[in-house]
Protein backbone atom coordinates (compact mmCIF):
# COMPACT_ATOMS: atom_id res chain seq x y z
CA MET A 1 150.26 165.53 97.31
CA ARG A 2 149.73 164.81 93.70
CA ARG A 3 147.14 167.55 93.23
CA LYS A 4 149.55 170.13 94.56
CA MET A 5 152.31 169.09 92.17
CA LEU A 6 149.79 169.18 89.46
CA ILE A 7 149.30 172.24 88.91
CA PRO A 8 152.91 173.52 88.80
CA LEU A 9 153.93 170.30 86.92
CA ILE A 10 151.27 171.30 84.08
CA PHE A 11 152.58 175.20 83.99
CA GLY A 12 156.70 174.21 84.22
CA LEU A 13 156.08 171.75 81.23
CA ILE A 14 154.03 174.41 79.37
CA GLY A 15 156.55 177.23 79.72
CA THR A 16 159.69 175.20 79.03
CA ALA A 17 157.95 173.83 76.13
CA ILE A 18 156.98 177.54 75.16
CA LEU A 19 160.78 178.37 76.07
CA CYS A 20 162.11 175.67 73.82
CA ALA A 21 160.13 176.02 70.91
CA LEU A 22 161.21 180.02 70.86
CA GLY A 23 165.18 178.08 70.71
CA THR A 24 164.14 176.04 67.89
CA TRP A 25 162.85 179.10 65.78
CA GLN A 26 165.97 181.30 66.80
CA LEU A 27 168.12 178.42 65.64
CA GLN A 28 166.41 177.84 62.33
CA ARG A 29 166.71 181.69 61.96
CA LEU A 30 170.71 181.39 62.86
CA THR A 31 170.16 178.66 59.60
CA TRP A 32 168.86 180.96 57.33
CA LYS A 33 170.53 183.90 58.50
CA THR A 34 173.90 182.47 57.43
CA GLU A 35 172.82 181.44 54.40
CA VAL A 36 171.78 185.12 53.64
CA LEU A 37 174.80 186.35 54.92
CA THR A 38 177.30 183.49 52.87
CA ALA A 39 175.22 184.20 49.63
CA ILE A 40 176.19 188.14 50.24
CA ASP A 41 179.85 187.18 50.90
CA ALA A 42 179.47 185.23 47.29
CA LYS A 43 177.91 188.01 45.77
CA ILE A 44 180.60 190.96 47.17
CA LEU A 45 183.05 188.74 46.16
CA SER A 46 181.76 188.06 42.45
CA GLU A 47 183.42 189.54 39.06
CA PRO A 48 182.52 193.40 38.95
CA VAL A 49 180.45 194.64 36.04
CA ASP A 50 179.92 198.10 35.01
CA ILE A 51 177.67 199.97 36.92
CA PRO A 52 174.16 199.74 35.76
CA LEU A 53 172.23 202.83 34.56
CA ASN A 54 169.84 203.50 37.13
CA ALA A 55 171.09 201.59 39.79
CA ASN A 56 169.35 200.88 43.09
CA GLU A 57 168.97 199.97 46.46
CA ALA A 58 166.61 197.03 46.15
CA THR A 59 168.14 195.02 43.04
CA ASP A 60 172.12 196.12 42.94
CA GLN A 61 173.02 196.13 46.60
CA PHE A 62 176.42 194.73 47.14
CA LEU A 63 176.73 194.56 43.44
CA PRO A 64 180.49 194.59 42.39
CA VAL A 65 181.28 197.00 39.95
CA GLN A 66 184.26 198.38 38.44
CA ALA A 67 184.30 202.29 36.88
CA LYS A 68 187.38 204.10 35.55
CA GLY A 69 187.33 207.92 36.01
CA VAL A 70 188.30 211.19 37.86
CA ILE A 71 188.16 211.06 41.06
CA GLY A 72 187.23 214.46 42.14
CA PRO A 73 189.16 216.98 45.01
CA GLN A 74 185.76 218.13 46.28
CA GLU A 75 184.76 215.07 49.41
CA ILE A 76 182.78 214.74 52.08
CA THR A 77 184.24 213.59 55.34
CA ILE A 78 181.71 211.04 57.77
CA LEU A 79 183.34 210.57 61.44
CA ALA A 80 183.96 206.68 61.35
CA SER A 81 186.08 204.15 63.57
CA VAL A 82 188.07 200.96 62.38
CA GLN A 83 188.98 198.36 65.24
CA LYS A 84 192.75 198.26 66.85
CA ILE A 85 193.12 201.95 64.80
CA GLY A 86 190.49 204.11 66.42
CA PRO A 87 189.20 206.84 65.03
CA GLY A 88 188.98 209.02 62.20
CA TYR A 89 186.73 209.86 58.95
CA ARG A 90 185.51 208.24 55.76
CA VAL A 91 186.16 210.36 52.50
CA ILE A 92 183.66 210.85 50.29
CA ALA A 93 183.94 212.09 46.91
CA PRO A 94 182.49 211.95 43.31
CA LEU A 95 183.97 209.81 40.71
CA GLU A 96 183.16 211.02 37.40
CA MET A 97 183.91 208.38 33.99
CA ALA A 98 184.15 209.33 30.52
CA ASP A 99 180.37 209.63 29.77
CA GLY A 100 179.85 211.84 32.13
CA ARG A 101 177.98 210.42 34.67
CA ARG A 102 178.90 211.44 38.36
CA VAL A 103 178.77 208.55 40.99
CA LEU A 104 179.75 208.54 44.98
CA LEU A 105 182.98 207.06 45.54
CA ASP A 106 183.85 205.95 49.51
CA ARG A 107 187.61 205.92 48.88
CA GLY A 108 188.19 204.53 52.70
CA PHE A 109 189.59 205.79 55.97
CA VAL A 110 192.01 208.54 56.89
CA ALA A 111 193.33 209.20 60.36
CA ILE A 112 191.85 212.21 61.98
CA SER A 113 195.35 213.78 61.41
CA ALA A 114 194.96 213.62 57.90
CA LYS A 115 191.19 214.85 57.53
CA ASN A 116 192.24 218.09 55.88
CA ALA A 117 195.33 216.58 53.96
CA PRO A 118 195.34 217.98 50.03
CA ARG A 119 193.41 215.23 48.20
CA PRO A 120 193.67 216.38 45.03
CA ALA A 121 191.89 215.67 41.89
CA VAL A 122 193.42 211.81 40.08
CA GLU A 123 192.38 209.22 36.96
CA ALA A 124 191.71 205.68 38.23
CA GLU A 125 190.37 202.36 37.59
CA ILE A 126 188.16 201.40 40.62
CA VAL A 127 186.64 197.91 41.53
CA GLY A 128 184.49 197.55 44.95
CA ASN A 129 180.85 197.35 45.82
CA LEU A 130 177.78 199.47 45.77
CA LEU A 131 176.38 199.65 48.71
CA TRP A 132 173.16 202.09 50.09
CA PRO A 133 173.98 201.79 54.16
CA ASP A 134 171.44 201.99 56.88
CA GLU A 135 173.11 204.91 58.91
CA ILE A 136 170.78 207.27 59.02
CA SER A 137 168.25 207.40 62.03
CA ASN A 138 166.15 209.94 63.88
CA ALA A 139 168.87 209.98 66.18
CA THR A 140 171.73 210.56 64.12
CA PRO A 141 172.95 214.80 64.36
CA GLN A 142 172.90 216.83 61.16
CA PRO A 143 176.33 217.49 59.37
CA ASP A 144 178.09 220.26 60.88
CA LEU A 145 179.17 221.76 57.60
CA LYS A 146 181.21 224.51 59.59
CA ALA A 147 183.76 221.45 60.65
CA GLY A 148 183.24 219.76 56.89
CA ILE A 149 182.15 216.47 59.61
CA TRP A 150 179.05 214.58 58.64
CA PHE A 151 177.67 211.80 61.15
CA GLY A 152 176.32 209.30 58.55
CA ARG A 153 176.21 207.91 55.02
CA ASP A 154 173.16 209.27 53.77
CA ILE A 155 173.08 208.90 49.63
CA PRO A 156 170.63 211.21 48.48
CA ALA A 157 171.97 213.91 51.03
CA MET A 158 175.25 213.25 50.00
CA ALA A 159 174.72 213.23 46.43
CA GLU A 160 173.20 216.31 46.53
CA ALA A 161 176.07 218.40 48.40
CA LEU A 162 178.91 216.69 45.59
CA ASN A 163 176.28 217.19 42.62
CA THR A 164 176.70 212.97 41.71
CA GLU A 165 174.00 210.40 41.42
CA PRO A 166 172.40 208.75 44.49
CA VAL A 167 174.79 205.73 44.03
CA MET A 168 177.62 205.21 45.90
CA LEU A 169 180.76 203.24 44.96
CA VAL A 170 182.64 201.87 47.89
CA GLN A 171 186.46 201.20 47.07
CA ARG A 172 188.15 197.76 46.98
CA THR A 173 191.11 198.00 44.64
CA SER A 174 192.19 201.15 43.08
CA THR A 175 194.67 201.91 40.56
CA GLU A 176 195.87 205.48 41.85
CA PRO A 177 199.51 205.83 41.94
CA ASN A 178 199.69 206.86 45.74
CA LEU A 179 197.25 205.56 47.72
CA VAL A 180 195.40 208.30 49.72
CA THR A 181 193.28 206.56 52.04
CA THR A 182 193.19 203.28 53.38
CA PRO A 183 190.02 200.99 51.62
CA PHE A 184 186.96 200.42 53.85
CA PRO A 185 185.74 197.47 51.38
CA VAL A 186 182.10 196.31 52.28
CA ASP A 187 181.77 192.85 53.92
CA SER A 188 179.01 190.88 55.14
CA ALA A 189 180.86 191.63 58.80
CA GLY A 190 178.59 194.93 59.62
CA ILE A 191 174.58 193.16 59.05
CA PRO A 192 173.80 191.89 62.31
CA ASN A 193 173.59 188.50 63.18
CA LYS A 194 172.50 187.85 66.82
CA HIS A 195 170.33 184.72 66.07
CA LEU A 196 172.79 182.76 68.06
CA GLU A 197 172.68 184.84 71.06
CA TYR A 198 168.96 184.16 70.80
CA VAL A 199 169.33 180.62 70.83
CA VAL A 200 170.99 180.31 73.41
CA THR A 201 169.06 183.09 75.85
CA TRP A 202 166.40 180.76 75.04
CA PHE A 203 167.42 177.79 75.88
CA GLY A 204 169.04 178.73 79.01
CA LEU A 205 165.38 180.86 80.14
CA ALA A 206 164.19 177.49 79.50
CA LEU A 207 166.83 175.38 81.41
CA VAL A 208 166.06 177.65 84.48
CA TRP A 209 162.38 177.72 83.94
CA PHE A 210 162.68 173.27 84.13
CA GLY A 211 164.80 173.90 87.33
CA MET A 212 162.75 176.09 88.87
CA THR A 213 159.62 173.95 87.89
CA ALA A 214 161.83 170.74 89.52
CA PHE A 215 162.87 173.10 92.27
CA LEU A 216 159.48 174.25 93.42
CA LEU A 217 158.12 170.60 93.14
CA TRP A 218 160.69 169.07 95.19
CA ARG A 219 160.14 172.04 97.93
CA ILE A 220 155.82 171.14 97.70
CA ARG A 221 156.80 167.24 98.43
CA GLN A 222 159.43 168.06 101.18
CA ARG A 223 156.29 169.94 102.87
CA THR A 224 154.12 166.99 101.93
CA VAL A 225 156.19 164.51 103.61
């Protein structure tokens, strides 16, 4: 009986140990990711600075910035959705500053019915964050230029279309006298953090594996009694 039980026992213990190790690794990854998100949140809400010259994703992602200039009437509307509100559009416009620099400005969200509402040029002071979003893949449809609808924030393509630097400021606050959009500010909520799910999955599988091993050993013992 002991020989018949030995191999399933070893196999079961090794499998349980491997699954527990994977769960422990994901628990460590969860701690690391939580610390990263906490640091990102702190950076996002820190004191804003002027937009750096030659701003780039490697050094300036999420950087809080301030800028004063004229928001142009040209714009790109990107299909989007807001929880509890529904579908609508992100409005991207050029922001031209006093020194002649032009950057992309993500003004925020408008409802579908407001897509073609007039949004004339206006001078404003903007506070927000620089962002290079990861929204474009091979599966992203090409912009429908006839309908004026884009399907993701493609920084180089938008910069070319609006004649700006490939730099995007996502608005948090604006001194516009009448806001024509609902700001859609940067936060860490959109950064994936599924490590807790993985922790539960691996430890859950370890428990199932251990239970199945125990059941198998019980069945072997019952057959040999």
